[in-house]
Amino acid sequence: MINIGSLIYSNIGDLVDTHCYPLIAEQSTEYPFIIYRSSSTAPNASKDGIYEWEHNVEISIVDEEYDTCCNILESVCNRLLAMEDNAPISEVVIDSISEDFIENAYVKNVNCRLYSE
C-alpha cells in the first residue's frame, strides 16, 4: 500500500510554495495554503485477492482572494487528473467540489478517489 499523503504533497505542494499540510495548518500559516486528508483507504478484492486500493482524499485550498483560490483549485484538479495512469495511481475520480468562507478566508474543497495497485 502506498503513502497517499506523500503522493498528494509531491504532486500539488509546489502550487502554494510548499504551504501544503496534512490535516491542519497552523494559525500563523501564510495564504494561500492547502490542507489534505486521507479520509479512508480500502482494498478492492475479488476471490483471487486484493487487486487495487481505493483512497478517498479531501483537499482544501485556502486563500484571502476568491479568484486566487479558484485558480489554485483548477491547478490542483489538473494535477490530480494528470496522476492517472502514472504508477502507482491507475485511476483518479473527482467526486465533488464545494466552497466555503471560514475565518475571513475562501475555501475550496475537492473530494476525490485515487486507485492504486
PDB file of N, CA and C in Angstrom:
ATOM      1  N   MET A   1       0.847  -1.182   0.000  1.00  0.00           N
ATOM      2  CA  MET A   1       0.000   0.000   0.000  1.00  0.00           C
ATOM      3  C   MET A   1       0.890   1.243   0.000  1.00  0.00           C
ATOM      4  N   ILE A   2       0.474   2.281  -0.704  1.00  0.00           N
ATOM      5  CA  ILE A   2       1.278   3.498  -0.846  1.00  0.00           C
ATOM      6  C   ILE A   2       0.965   4.513   0.257  1.00  0.00           C
ATOM      7  N   ASN A   3       1.877   5.455   0.466  1.00  0.00           N
ATOM      8  CA  ASN A   3       1.650   6.572   1.375  1.00  0.00           C
ATOM      9  C   ASN A   3       0.965   7.662   0.557  1.00  0.00           C
ATOM     10  N   ILE A   4      -0.349   7.712   0.634  1.00  0.00           N
ATOM     11  CA  ILE A   4      -1.122   8.628  -0.220  1.00  0.00           C
ATOM     12  C   ILE A   4      -0.835  10.089   0.119  1.00  0.00           C
ATOM     13  N   GLY A   5      -0.565  10.396   1.384  1.00  0.00           N
ATOM     14  CA  GLY A   5      -0.257  11.773   1.771  1.00  0.00           C
ATOM     15  C   GLY A   5       1.000  12.289   1.106  1.00  0.00           C
ATOM     16  N   SER A   6       2.045  11.471   1.091  1.00  0.00           N
ATOM     17  CA  SER A   6       3.293  11.868   0.436  1.00  0.00           C
ATOM     18  C   SER A   6       3.088  12.055  -1.060  1.00  0.00           C
ATOM     19  N   LEU A   7       2.273  11.210  -1.646  1.00  0.00           N
ATOM     20  CA  LEU A   7       1.999  11.303  -3.079  1.00  0.00           C
ATOM     21  C   LEU A   7       1.234  12.592  -3.399  1.00  0.00           C
ATOM     22  N   ILE A   8       0.239  12.925  -2.598  1.00  0.00           N
ATOM     23  CA  ILE A   8      -0.519  14.171  -2.799  1.00  0.00           C
ATOM     24  C   ILE A   8       0.423  15.364  -2.659  1.00  0.00           C
ATOM     25  N   TYR A   9       1.209  15.387  -1.579  1.00  0.00           N
ATOM     26  CA  TYR A   9       2.125  16.509  -1.350  1.00  0.00           C
ATOM     27  C   TYR A   9       3.094  16.678  -2.511  1.00  0.00           C
ATOM     28  N   SER A  10       3.663  15.592  -2.978  1.00  0.00           N
ATOM     29  CA  SER A  10       4.657  15.696  -4.048  1.00  0.00           C
ATOM     30  C   SER A  10       4.054  16.161  -5.370  1.00  0.00           C
ATOM     31  N   ASN A  11       2.756  15.995  -5.537  1.00  0.00           N
ATOM     32  CA  ASN A  11       2.117  16.399  -6.793  1.00  0.00           C
ATOM     33  C   ASN A  11       1.496  17.792  -6.759  1.00  0.00           C
ATOM     34  N   ILE A  12       1.131  18.294  -5.577  1.00  0.00           N
ATOM     35  CA  ILE A  12       0.468  19.607  -5.536  1.00  0.00           C
ATOM     36  C   ILE A  12       1.128  20.608  -4.596  1.00  0.00           C
ATOM     37  N   GLY A  13       2.083  20.190  -3.780  1.00  0.00           N
ATOM     38  CA  GLY A  13       2.689  21.074  -2.784  1.00  0.00           C
ATOM     39  C   GLY A  13       3.314  22.330  -3.358  1.00  0.00           C
ATOM     40  N   ASP A  14       3.897  22.238  -4.530  1.00  0.00           N
ATOM     41  CA  ASP A  14       4.561  23.398  -5.126  1.00  0.00           C
ATOM     42  C   ASP A  14       3.583  24.453  -5.631  1.00  0.00           C
ATOM     43  N   LEU A  15       2.306  24.124  -5.732  1.00  0.00           N
ATOM     44  CA  LEU A  15       1.310  25.094  -6.204  1.00  0.00           C
ATOM     45  C   LEU A  15       1.112  26.240  -5.216  1.00  0.00           C
ATOM     46  N   VAL A  16       1.451  25.989  -3.958  1.00  0.00           N
ATOM     47  CA  VAL A  16       1.292  27.009  -2.913  1.00  0.00           C
ATOM     48  C   VAL A  16       2.615  27.233  -2.187  1.00  0.00           C
ATOM     49  N   ASP A  17       3.710  27.150  -2.926  1.00  0.00           N
ATOM     50  CA  ASP A  17       5.038  27.412  -2.379  1.00  0.00           C
ATOM     51  C   ASP A  17       5.320  26.535  -1.159  1.00  0.00           C
ATOM     52  N   THR A  18       4.951  25.288  -1.245  1.00  0.00           N
ATOM     53  CA  THR A  18       5.097  24.247  -0.208  1.00  0.00           C
ATOM     54  C   THR A  18       4.287  24.506   1.060  1.00  0.00           C
ATOM     55  N   HIS A  19       3.337  25.412   1.019  1.00  0.00           N
ATOM     56  CA  HIS A  19       2.420  25.590   2.150  1.00  0.00           C
ATOM     57  C   HIS A  19       1.283  24.577   2.007  1.00  0.00           C
ATOM     58  N   CYS A  20       1.650  23.330   2.112  1.00  0.00           N
ATOM     59  CA  CYS A  20       0.732  22.209   1.898  1.00  0.00           C
ATOM     60  C   CYS A  20       0.890  21.260   3.088  1.00  0.00           C
ATOM     61  N   TYR A  21      -0.206  21.022   3.806  1.00  0.00           N
ATOM     62  CA  TYR A  21      -0.110  20.337   5.091  1.00  0.00           C
ATOM     63  C   TYR A  21      -1.118  19.196   5.225  1.00  0.00           C
ATOM     64  N   PRO A  22      -0.718  18.135   5.924  1.00  0.00           N
ATOM     65  CA  PRO A  22      -1.690  17.083   6.240  1.00  0.00           C
ATOM     66  C   PRO A  22      -2.557  17.507   7.430  1.00  0.00           C
ATOM     67  N   LEU A  23      -3.845  17.356   7.300  1.00  0.00           N
ATOM     68  CA  LEU A  23      -4.841  17.518   8.368  1.00  0.00           C
ATOM     69  C   LEU A  23      -5.092  18.931   8.870  1.00  0.00           C
ATOM     70  N   ILE A  24      -4.050  19.714   9.137  1.00  0.00           N
ATOM     71  CA  ILE A  24      -4.268  21.024   9.756  1.00  0.00           C
ATOM     72  C   ILE A  24      -3.113  21.969   9.404  1.00  0.00           C
ATOM     73  N   ALA A  25      -3.436  23.246   9.345  1.00  0.00           N
ATOM     74  CA  ALA A  25      -2.403  24.273   9.162  1.00  0.00           C
ATOM     75  C   ALA A  25      -2.388  25.136  10.415  1.00  0.00           C
ATOM     76  N   GLU A  26      -1.212  25.574  10.800  1.00  0.00           N
ATOM     77  CA  GLU A  26      -1.075  26.441  11.969  1.00  0.00           C
ATOM     78  C   GLU A  26      -1.809  27.760  11.728  1.00  0.00           C
ATOM     79  N   GLN A  27      -2.273  28.379  12.777  1.00  0.00           N
ATOM     80  CA  GLN A  27      -2.998  29.647  12.702  1.00  0.00           C
ATOM     81  C   GLN A  27      -2.174  30.718  11.979  1.00  0.00           C
ATOM     82  N   SER A  28      -0.856  30.665  12.109  1.00  0.00           N
ATOM     83  CA  SER A  28       0.016  31.689  11.535  1.00  0.00           C
ATOM     84  C   SER A  28       0.422  31.404  10.087  1.00  0.00           C
ATOM     85  N   THR A  29      -0.095  30.338   9.485  1.00  0.00           N
ATOM     86  CA  THR A  29       0.275  29.972   8.117  1.00  0.00           C
ATOM     87  C   THR A  29      -0.135  31.068   7.139  1.00  0.00           C
ATOM     88  N   GLU A  30       0.775  31.407   6.246  1.00  0.00           N
ATOM     89  CA  GLU A  30       0.507  32.436   5.241  1.00  0.00           C
ATOM     90  C   GLU A  30      -0.361  31.883   4.121  1.00  0.00           C
ATOM     91  N   TYR A  31      -1.200  32.746   3.562  1.00  0.00           N
ATOM     92  CA  TYR A  31      -2.036  32.380   2.418  1.00  0.00           C
ATOM     93  C   TYR A  31      -1.210  32.442   1.151  1.00  0.00           C
ATOM     94  N   PRO A  32      -1.561  31.725   0.137  1.00  0.00           N
ATOM     95  CA  PRO A  32      -2.513  30.614   0.116  1.00  0.00           C
ATOM     96  C   PRO A  32      -1.860  29.344   0.671  1.00  0.00           C
ATOM     97  N   PHE A  33      -2.718  28.415   1.115  1.00  0.00           N
ATOM     98  CA  PHE A  33      -2.210  27.129   1.560  1.00  0.00           C
ATOM     99  C   PHE A  33      -3.215  26.031   1.239  1.00  0.00           C
ATOM    100  N   ILE A  34      -2.725  24.806   1.313  1.00  0.00           N
ATOM    101  CA  ILE A  34      -3.548  23.622   1.039  1.00  0.00           C
ATOM    102  C   ILE A  34      -3.463  22.689   2.232  1.00  0.00           C
ATOM    103  N   ILE A  35      -4.600  22.115   2.574  1.00  0.00           N
ATOM    104  CA  ILE A  35      -4.673  21.073   3.598  1.00  0.00           C
ATOM    105  C   ILE A  35      -5.232  19.830   2.911  1.00  0.00           C
ATOM    106  N   TYR A  36      -4.607  18.690   3.145  1.00  0.00           N
ATOM    107  CA  TYR A  36      -5.103  17.440   2.559  1.00  0.00           C
ATOM    108  C   TYR A  36      -5.307  16.408   3.654  1.00  0.00           C
ATOM    109  N   ARG A  37      -6.247  15.512   3.387  1.00  0.00           N
ATOM    110  CA  ARG A  37      -6.589  14.490   4.374  1.00  0.00           C
ATOM    111  C   ARG A  37      -7.042  13.238   3.655  1.00  0.00           C
ATOM    112  N   SER A  38      -6.488  12.132   4.059  1.00  0.00           N
ATOM    113  CA  SER A  38      -6.954  10.843   3.556  1.00  0.00           C
ATOM    114  C   SER A  38      -8.118  10.418   4.451  1.00  0.00           C
ATOM    115  N   SER A  39      -9.330  10.438   3.918  1.00  0.00           N
ATOM    116  CA  SER A  39     -10.494  10.115   4.748  1.00  0.00           C
ATOM    117  C   SER A  39     -10.718   8.617   4.876  1.00  0.00           C
ATOM    118  N   SER A  40     -10.231   7.837   3.898  1.00  0.00           N
ATOM    119  CA  SER A  40     -10.297   6.378   4.021  1.00  0.00           C
ATOM    120  C   SER A  40      -9.436   5.724   2.947  1.00  0.00           C
ATOM    121  N   THR A  41      -8.986   4.530   3.263  1.00  0.00           N
ATOM    122  CA  THR A  41      -8.284   3.679   2.311  1.00  0.00           C
ATOM    123  C   THR A  41      -8.843   2.279   2.485  1.00  0.00           C
ATOM    124  N   ALA A  42      -9.266   1.675   1.387  1.00  0.00           N
ATOM    125  CA  ALA A  42      -9.872   0.350   1.479  1.00  0.00           C
ATOM    126  C   ALA A  42      -9.446  -0.498   0.289  1.00  0.00           C
ATOM    127  N   PRO A  43      -9.304  -1.795   0.524  1.00  0.00           N
ATOM    128  CA  PRO A  43      -8.953  -2.683  -0.587  1.00  0.00           C
ATOM    129  C   PRO A  43     -10.180  -3.036  -1.418  1.00  0.00           C
ATOM    130  N   ASN A  44      -9.990  -3.172  -2.704  1.00  0.00           N
ATOM    131  CA  ASN A  44     -11.000  -3.756  -3.582  1.00  0.00           C
ATOM    132  C   ASN A  44     -10.482  -5.144  -3.917  1.00  0.00           C
ATOM    133  N   ALA A  45     -11.305  -6.138  -3.647  1.00  0.00           N
ATOM    134  CA  ALA A  45     -10.826  -7.517  -3.761  1.00  0.00           C
ATOM    135  C   ALA A  45     -11.817  -8.379  -4.531  1.00  0.00           C
ATOM    136  N   SER A  46     -11.284  -9.436  -5.088  1.00  0.00           N
ATOM    137  CA  SER A  46     -12.077 -10.489  -5.722  1.00  0.00           C
ATOM    138  C   SER A  46     -11.719 -11.793  -5.023  1.00  0.00           C
ATOM    139  N   LYS A  47     -12.230 -12.889  -5.512  1.00  0.00           N
ATOM    140  CA  LYS A  47     -11.907 -14.167  -4.877  1.00  0.00           C
ATOM    141  C   LYS A  47     -10.423 -14.502  -4.994  1.00  0.00           C
ATOM    142  N   ASP A  48      -9.731 -13.828  -5.900  1.00  0.00           N
ATOM    143  CA  ASP A  48      -8.294 -14.054  -6.070  1.00  0.00           C
ATOM    144  C   ASP A  48      -7.442 -13.162  -5.165  1.00  0.00           C
ATOM    145  N   GLY A  49      -8.089 -12.267  -4.421  1.00  0.00           N
ATOM    146  CA  GLY A  49      -7.364 -11.385  -3.511  1.00  0.00           C
ATOM    147  C   GLY A  49      -7.531  -9.921  -3.877  1.00  0.00           C
ATOM    148  N   ILE A  50      -6.745  -9.078  -3.238  1.00  0.00           N
ATOM    149  CA  ILE A  50      -6.797  -7.631  -3.459  1.00  0.00           C
ATOM    150  C   ILE A  50      -6.214  -7.305  -4.828  1.00  0.00           C
ATOM    151  N   TYR A  51      -6.980  -6.569  -5.636  1.00  0.00           N
ATOM    152  CA  TYR A  51      -6.478  -6.174  -6.954  1.00  0.00           C
ATOM    153  C   TYR A  51      -6.207  -4.676  -7.047  1.00  0.00           C
ATOM    154  N   GLU A  52      -6.716  -3.877  -6.093  1.00  0.00           N
ATOM    155  CA  GLU A  52      -6.409  -2.452  -6.059  1.00  0.00           C
ATOM    156  C   GLU A  52      -6.831  -1.879  -4.714  1.00  0.00           C
ATOM    157  N   TRP A  53      -6.313  -0.683  -4.444  1.00  0.00           N
ATOM    158  CA  TRP A  53      -6.677   0.061  -3.246  1.00  0.00           C
ATOM    159  C   TRP A  53      -7.408   1.326  -3.652  1.00  0.00           C
ATOM    160  N   GLU A  54      -8.446   1.670  -2.911  1.00  0.00           N
ATOM    161  CA  GLU A  54      -9.204   2.902  -3.145  1.00  0.00           C
ATOM    162  C   GLU A  54      -8.902   3.876  -2.014  1.00  0.00           C
ATOM    163  N   HIS A  55      -8.385   5.052  -2.375  1.00  0.00           N
ATOM    164  CA  HIS A  55      -8.012   6.079  -1.407  1.00  0.00           C
ATOM    165  C   HIS A  55      -8.963   7.263  -1.580  1.00  0.00           C
ATOM    166  N   ASN A  56      -9.724   7.585  -0.546  1.00  0.00           N
ATOM    167  CA  ASN A  56     -10.586   8.760  -0.565  1.00  0.00           C
ATOM    168  C   ASN A  56      -9.817   9.917   0.072  1.00  0.00           C
ATOM    169  N   VAL A  57      -9.700  11.006  -0.681  1.00  0.00           N
ATOM    170  CA  VAL A  57      -8.877  12.134  -0.257  1.00  0.00           C
ATOM    171  C   VAL A  57      -9.704  13.412  -0.316  1.00  0.00           C
ATOM    172  N   GLU A  58      -9.516  14.245   0.706  1.00  0.00           N
ATOM    173  CA  GLU A  58     -10.134  15.563   0.751  1.00  0.00           C
ATOM    174  C   GLU A  58      -9.021  16.605   0.712  1.00  0.00           C
ATOM    175  N   ILE A  59      -9.155  17.558  -0.184  1.00  0.00           N
ATOM    176  CA  ILE A  59      -8.145  18.614  -0.326  1.00  0.00           C
ATOM    177  C   ILE A  59      -8.858  19.958  -0.198  1.00  0.00           C
ATOM    178  N   SER A  60      -8.316  20.830   0.652  1.00  0.00           N
ATOM    179  CA  SER A  60      -8.882  22.168   0.834  1.00  0.00           C
ATOM    180  C   SER A  60      -7.852  23.210   0.451  1.00  0.00           C
ATOM    181  N   ILE A  61      -8.274  24.150  -0.387  1.00  0.00           N
ATOM    182  CA  ILE A  61      -7.432  25.262  -0.801  1.00  0.00           C
ATOM    183  C   ILE A  61      -7.958  26.492  -0.076  1.00  0.00           C
ATOM    184  N   VAL A  62      -7.073  27.242   0.568  1.00  0.00           N
ATOM    185  CA  VAL A  62      -7.487  28.372   1.396  1.00  0.00           C
ATOM    186  C   VAL A  62      -6.713  29.613   0.975  1.00  0.00           C
ATOM    187  N   ASP A  63      -7.444  30.729   0.770  1.00  0.00           N
ATOM    188  CA  ASP A  63      -6.797  31.994   0.432  1.00  0.00           C
ATOM    189  C   ASP A  63      -7.722  33.156   0.763  1.00  0.00           C
ATOM    190  N   GLU A  64      -7.144  34.341   0.892  1.00  0.00           N
ATOM    191  CA  GLU A  64      -7.913  35.555   1.159  1.00  0.00           C
ATOM    192  C   GLU A  64      -8.642  36.061  -0.075  1.00  0.00           C
ATOM    193  N   GLU A  65      -8.136  35.690  -1.254  1.00  0.00           N
ATOM    194  CA  GLU A  65      -8.716  36.153  -2.512  1.00  0.00           C
ATOM    195  C   GLU A  65      -9.478  35.017  -3.190  1.00  0.00           C
ATOM    196  N   TYR A  66     -10.712  35.281  -3.550  1.00  0.00           N
ATOM    197  CA  TYR A  66     -11.543  34.247  -4.173  1.00  0.00           C
ATOM    198  C   TYR A  66     -10.964  33.778  -5.505  1.00  0.00           C
ATOM    199  N   ASP A  67     -10.540  34.715  -6.350  1.00  0.00           N
ATOM    200  CA  ASP A  67     -10.014  34.341  -7.664  1.00  0.00           C
ATOM    201  C   ASP A  67      -8.753  33.485  -7.546  1.00  0.00           C
ATOM    202  N   THR A  68      -7.879  33.825  -6.622  1.00  0.00           N
ATOM    203  CA  THR A  68      -6.669  33.030  -6.409  1.00  0.00           C
ATOM    204  C   THR A  68      -7.030  31.621  -5.973  1.00  0.00           C
ATOM    205  N   CYS A  69      -7.993  31.520  -5.088  1.00  0.00           N
ATOM    206  CA  CYS A  69      -8.456  30.217  -4.612  1.00  0.00           C
ATOM    207  C   CYS A  69      -8.990  29.387  -5.787  1.00  0.00           C
ATOM    208  N   CYS A  70      -9.761  30.006  -6.657  1.00  0.00           N
ATOM    209  CA  CYS A  70     -10.314  29.312  -7.831  1.00  0.00           C
ATOM    210  C   CYS A  70      -9.209  28.860  -8.783  1.00  0.00           C
ATOM    211  N   ASN A  71      -8.215  29.711  -8.998  1.00  0.00           N
ATOM    212  CA  ASN A  71      -7.101  29.355  -9.882  1.00  0.00           C
ATOM    213  C   ASN A  71      -6.294  28.188  -9.334  1.00  0.00           C
ATOM    214  N   ILE A  72      -6.032  28.196  -8.034  1.00  0.00           N
ATOM    215  CA  ILE A  72      -5.296  27.085  -7.422  1.00  0.00           C
ATOM    216  C   ILE A  72      -6.133  25.809  -7.490  1.00  0.00           C
ATOM    217  N   LEU A  73      -7.427  25.925  -7.280  1.00  0.00           N
ATOM    218  CA  LEU A  73      -8.323  24.764  -7.387  1.00  0.00           C
ATOM    219  C   LEU A  73      -8.208  24.125  -8.768  1.00  0.00           C
ATOM    220  N   GLU A  74      -8.233  24.937  -9.801  1.00  0.00           N
ATOM    221  CA  GLU A  74      -8.117  24.412 -11.165  1.00  0.00           C
ATOM    222  C   GLU A  74      -6.788  23.681 -11.356  1.00  0.00           C
ATOM    223  N   SER A  75      -5.717  24.258 -10.843  1.00  0.00           N
ATOM    224  CA  SER A  75      -4.404  23.613 -10.956  1.00  0.00           C
ATOM    225  C   SER A  75      -4.350  22.316 -10.170  1.00  0.00           C
ATOM    226  N   VAL A  76      -4.943  22.299  -8.981  1.00  0.00           N
ATOM    227  CA  VAL A  76      -4.981  21.074  -8.175  1.00  0.00           C
ATOM    228  C   VAL A  76      -5.719  19.975  -8.928  1.00  0.00           C
ATOM    229  N   CYS A  77      -6.880  20.293  -9.479  1.00  0.00           N
ATOM    230  CA  CYS A  77      -7.656  19.292 -10.228  1.00  0.00           C
ATOM    231  C   CYS A  77      -6.874  18.779 -11.434  1.00  0.00           C
ATOM    232  N   ASN A  78      -6.220  19.676 -12.147  1.00  0.00           N
ATOM    233  CA  ASN A  78      -5.415  19.259 -13.301  1.00  0.00           C
ATOM    234  C   ASN A  78      -4.274  18.344 -12.879  1.00  0.00           C
ATOM    235  N   ARG A  79      -3.619  18.669 -11.780  1.00  0.00           N
ATOM    236  CA  ARG A  79      -2.517  17.834 -11.289  1.00  0.00           C
ATOM    237  C   ARG A  79      -3.023  16.465 -10.842  1.00  0.00           C
ATOM    238  N   LEU A  80      -4.167  16.447 -10.164  1.00  0.00           N
ATOM    239  CA  LEU A  80      -4.738  15.167  -9.728  1.00  0.00           C
ATOM    240  C   LEU A  80      -5.052  14.287 -10.939  1.00  0.00           C
ATOM    241  N   LEU A  81      -5.717  14.854 -11.924  1.00  0.00           N
ATOM    242  CA  LEU A  81      -6.081  14.081 -13.116  1.00  0.00           C
ATOM    243  C   LEU A  81      -4.848  13.629 -13.896  1.00  0.00           C
ATOM    244  N   ALA A  82      -3.775  14.415 -13.852  1.00  0.00           N
ATOM    245  CA  ALA A  82      -2.542  14.034 -14.539  1.00  0.00           C
ATOM    246  C   ALA A  82      -1.850  12.850 -13.861  1.00  0.00           C
ATOM    247  N   MET A  83      -2.206  12.571 -12.618  1.00  0.00           N
ATOM    248  CA  MET A  83      -1.624  11.428 -11.901  1.00  0.00           C
ATOM    249  C   MET A  83      -2.155  10.101 -12.440  1.00  0.00           C
ATOM    250  N   GLU A  84      -3.301  10.143 -13.100  1.00  0.00           N
ATOM    251  CA  GLU A  84      -3.922   8.918 -13.609  1.00  0.00           C
ATOM    252  C   GLU A  84      -3.004   8.216 -14.602  1.00  0.00           C
ATOM    253  N   ASP A  85      -2.938   6.917 -14.463  1.00  0.00           N
ATOM    254  CA  ASP A  85      -2.117   6.054 -15.314  1.00  0.00           C
ATOM    255  C   ASP A  85      -0.618   6.260 -15.133  1.00  0.00           C
ATOM    256  N   ASN A  86      -0.222   6.974 -14.094  1.00  0.00           N
ATOM    257  CA  ASN A  86       1.191   7.097 -13.726  1.00  0.00           C
ATOM    258  C   ASN A  86       1.386   6.332 -12.433  1.00  0.00           C
ATOM    259  N   ALA A  87       2.217   5.300 -12.475  1.00  0.00           N
ATOM    260  CA  ALA A  87       2.414   4.454 -11.301  1.00  0.00           C
ATOM    261  C   ALA A  87       2.691   5.321 -10.083  1.00  0.00           C
ATOM    262  N   PRO A  88       2.119   5.012  -8.958  1.00  0.00           N
ATOM    263  CA  PRO A  88       1.287   3.845  -8.671  1.00  0.00           C
ATOM    264  C   PRO A  88      -0.214   4.085  -8.852  1.00  0.00           C
ATOM    265  N   ILE A  89      -0.619   5.264  -9.360  1.00  0.00           N
ATOM    266  CA  ILE A  89      -2.049   5.579  -9.495  1.00  0.00           C
ATOM    267  C   ILE A  89      -2.572   5.094 -10.844  1.00  0.00           C
ATOM    268  N   SER A  90      -3.653   4.305 -10.810  1.00  0.00           N
ATOM    269  CA  SER A  90      -4.229   3.794 -12.048  1.00  0.00           C
ATOM    270  C   SER A  90      -5.461   4.584 -12.491  1.00  0.00           C
ATOM    271  N   GLU A  91      -6.135   5.230 -11.528  1.00  0.00           N
ATOM    272  CA  GLU A  91      -7.343   5.990 -11.869  1.00  0.00           C
ATOM    273  C   GLU A  91      -7.561   7.085 -10.836  1.00  0.00           C
ATOM    274  N   VAL A  92      -8.088   8.237 -11.297  1.00  0.00           N
ATOM    275  CA  VAL A  92      -8.441   9.352 -10.424  1.00  0.00           C
ATOM    276  C   VAL A  92      -9.872   9.758 -10.752  1.00  0.00           C
ATOM    277  N   VAL A  93     -10.696   9.883  -9.725  1.00  0.00           N
ATOM    278  CA  VAL A  93     -12.080  10.317  -9.893  1.00  0.00           C
ATOM    279  C   VAL A  93     -12.314  11.503  -8.964  1.00  0.00           C
ATOM    280  N   ILE A  94     -12.685  12.649  -9.531  1.00  0.00           N
ATOM    281  CA  ILE A  94     -13.052  13.803  -8.715  1.00  0.00           C
ATOM    282  C   ILE A  94     -14.547  13.698  -8.473  1.00  0.00           C
ATOM    283  N   ASP A  95     -14.918  13.496  -7.207  1.00  0.00           N
ATOM    284  CA  ASP A  95     -16.322  13.280  -6.850  1.00  0.00           C
ATOM    285  C   ASP A  95     -17.097  14.569  -6.661  1.00  0.00           C
ATOM    286  N   SER A  96     -16.478  15.558  -6.013  1.00  0.00           N
ATOM    287  CA  SER A  96     -17.204  16.800  -5.767  1.00  0.00           C
ATOM    288  C   SER A  96     -16.243  17.937  -5.468  1.00  0.00           C
ATOM    289  N   ILE A  97     -16.746  19.139  -5.714  1.00  0.00           N
ATOM    290  CA  ILE A  97     -16.026  20.369  -5.383  1.00  0.00           C
ATOM    291  C   ILE A  97     -17.031  21.275  -4.689  1.00  0.00           C
ATOM    292  N   SER A  98     -16.633  21.827  -3.562  1.00  0.00           N
ATOM    293  CA  SER A  98     -17.513  22.743  -2.831  1.00  0.00           C
ATOM    294  C   SER A  98     -16.697  23.941  -2.359  1.00  0.00           C
ATOM    295  N   GLU A  99     -17.400  24.939  -1.835  1.00  0.00           N
ATOM    296  CA  GLU A  99     -16.694  26.109  -1.345  1.00  0.00           C
ATOM    297  C   GLU A  99     -17.302  26.596  -0.049  1.00  0.00           C
ATOM    298  N   ASP A 100     -16.509  27.396   0.671  1.00  0.00           N
ATOM    299  CA  ASP A 100     -16.940  27.904   1.961  1.00  0.00           C
ATOM    300  C   ASP A 100     -16.180  29.201   2.230  1.00  0.00           C
ATOM    301  N   PHE A 101     -16.598  29.896   3.262  1.00  0.00           N
ATOM    302  CA  PHE A 101     -15.890  31.087   3.733  1.00  0.00           C
ATOM    303  C   PHE A 101     -15.742  30.930   5.234  1.00  0.00           C
ATOM    304  N   ILE A 102     -14.496  30.738   5.689  1.00  0.00           N
ATOM    305  CA  ILE A 102     -14.233  30.447   7.097  1.00  0.00           C
ATOM    306  C   ILE A 102     -13.146  31.392   7.601  1.00  0.00           C
ATOM    307  N   GLU A 103     -13.426  32.068   8.695  1.00  0.00           N
ATOM    308  CA  GLU A 103     -12.455  32.957   9.341  1.00  0.00           C
ATOM    309  C   GLU A 103     -11.797  33.908   8.347  1.00  0.00           C
ATOM    310  N   ASN A 104     -12.613  34.605   7.573  1.00  0.00           N
ATOM    311  CA  ASN A 104     -12.166  35.610   6.614  1.00  0.00           C
ATOM    312  C   ASN A 104     -11.300  35.062   5.480  1.00  0.00           C
ATOM    313  N   ALA A 105     -11.510  33.802   5.133  1.00  0.00           N
ATOM    314  CA  ALA A 105     -10.772  33.204   4.018  1.00  0.00           C
ATOM    315  C   ALA A 105     -11.719  32.353   3.185  1.00  0.00           C
ATOM    316  N   TYR A 106     -11.450  32.332   1.898  1.00  0.00           N
ATOM    317  CA  TYR A 106     -12.198  31.472   0.985  1.00  0.00           C
ATOM    318  C   TYR A 106     -11.596  30.076   1.009  1.00  0.00           C
ATOM    319  N   VAL A 107     -12.459  29.079   0.954  1.00  0.00           N
ATOM    320  CA  VAL A 107     -12.015  27.688   0.991  1.00  0.00           C
ATOM    321  C   VAL A 107     -12.693  26.932  -0.142  1.00  0.00           C
ATOM    322  N   LYS A 108     -11.896  26.280  -0.950  1.00  0.00           N
ATOM    323  CA  LYS A 108     -12.396  25.387  -2.000  1.00  0.00           C
ATOM    324  C   LYS A 108     -12.036  23.963  -1.584  1.00  0.00           C
ATOM    325  N   ASN A 109     -13.015  23.071  -1.574  1.00  0.00           N
ATOM    326  CA  ASN A 109     -12.813  21.686  -1.161  1.00  0.00           C
ATOM    327  C   ASN A 109     -12.989  20.744  -2.342  1.00  0.00           C
ATOM    328  N   VAL A 110     -12.048  19.810  -2.483  1.00  0.00           N
ATOM    329  CA  VAL A 110     -12.111  18.795  -3.533  1.00  0.00           C
ATOM    330  C   VAL A 110     -12.146  17.431  -2.851  1.00  0.00           C
ATOM    331  N   ASN A 111     -13.146  16.639  -3.179  1.00  0.00           N
ATOM    332  CA  ASN A 111     -13.216  15.254  -2.711  1.00  0.00           C
ATOM    333  C   ASN A 111     -12.957  14.358  -3.914  1.00  0.00           C
ATOM    334  N   CYS A 112     -11.994  13.451  -3.763  1.00  0.00           N
ATOM    335  CA  CYS A 112     -11.640  12.606  -4.883  1.00  0.00           C
ATOM    336  C   CYS A 112     -11.274  11.202  -4.407  1.00  0.00           C
ATOM    337  N   ARG A 113     -11.234  10.295  -5.385  1.00  0.00           N
ATOM    338  CA  ARG A 113     -10.816   8.921  -5.146  1.00  0.00           C
ATOM    339  C   ARG A 113      -9.637   8.635  -6.051  1.00  0.00           C
ATOM    340  N   LEU A 114      -8.599   8.042  -5.474  1.00  0.00           N
ATOM    341  CA  LEU A 114      -7.433   7.607  -6.228  1.00  0.00           C
ATOM    342  C   LEU A 114      -7.325   6.095  -6.076  1.00  0.00           C
ATOM    343  N   TYR A 115      -7.069   5.421  -7.160  1.00  0.00           N
ATOM    344  CA  TYR A 115      -6.950   3.968  -7.149  1.00  0.00           C
ATOM    345  C   TYR A 115      -5.503   3.586  -7.440  1.00  0.00           C
ATOM    346  N   SER A 116      -4.989   2.673  -6.617  1.00  0.00           N
ATOM    347  CA  SER A 116      -3.623   2.189  -6.823  1.00  0.00           C
ATOM    348  C   SER A 116      -3.593   0.668  -6.753  1.00  0.00           C
ATOM    349  N   GLU A 117      -2.578   0.100  -7.380  1.00  0.00           N
ATOM    350  CA  GLU A 117      -2.441  -1.366  -7.364  1.00  0.00           C
ATOM    351  C   GLU A 117      -1.643  -1.810  -6.159  1.00  0.00           C
TER     352      GLU A 117
END
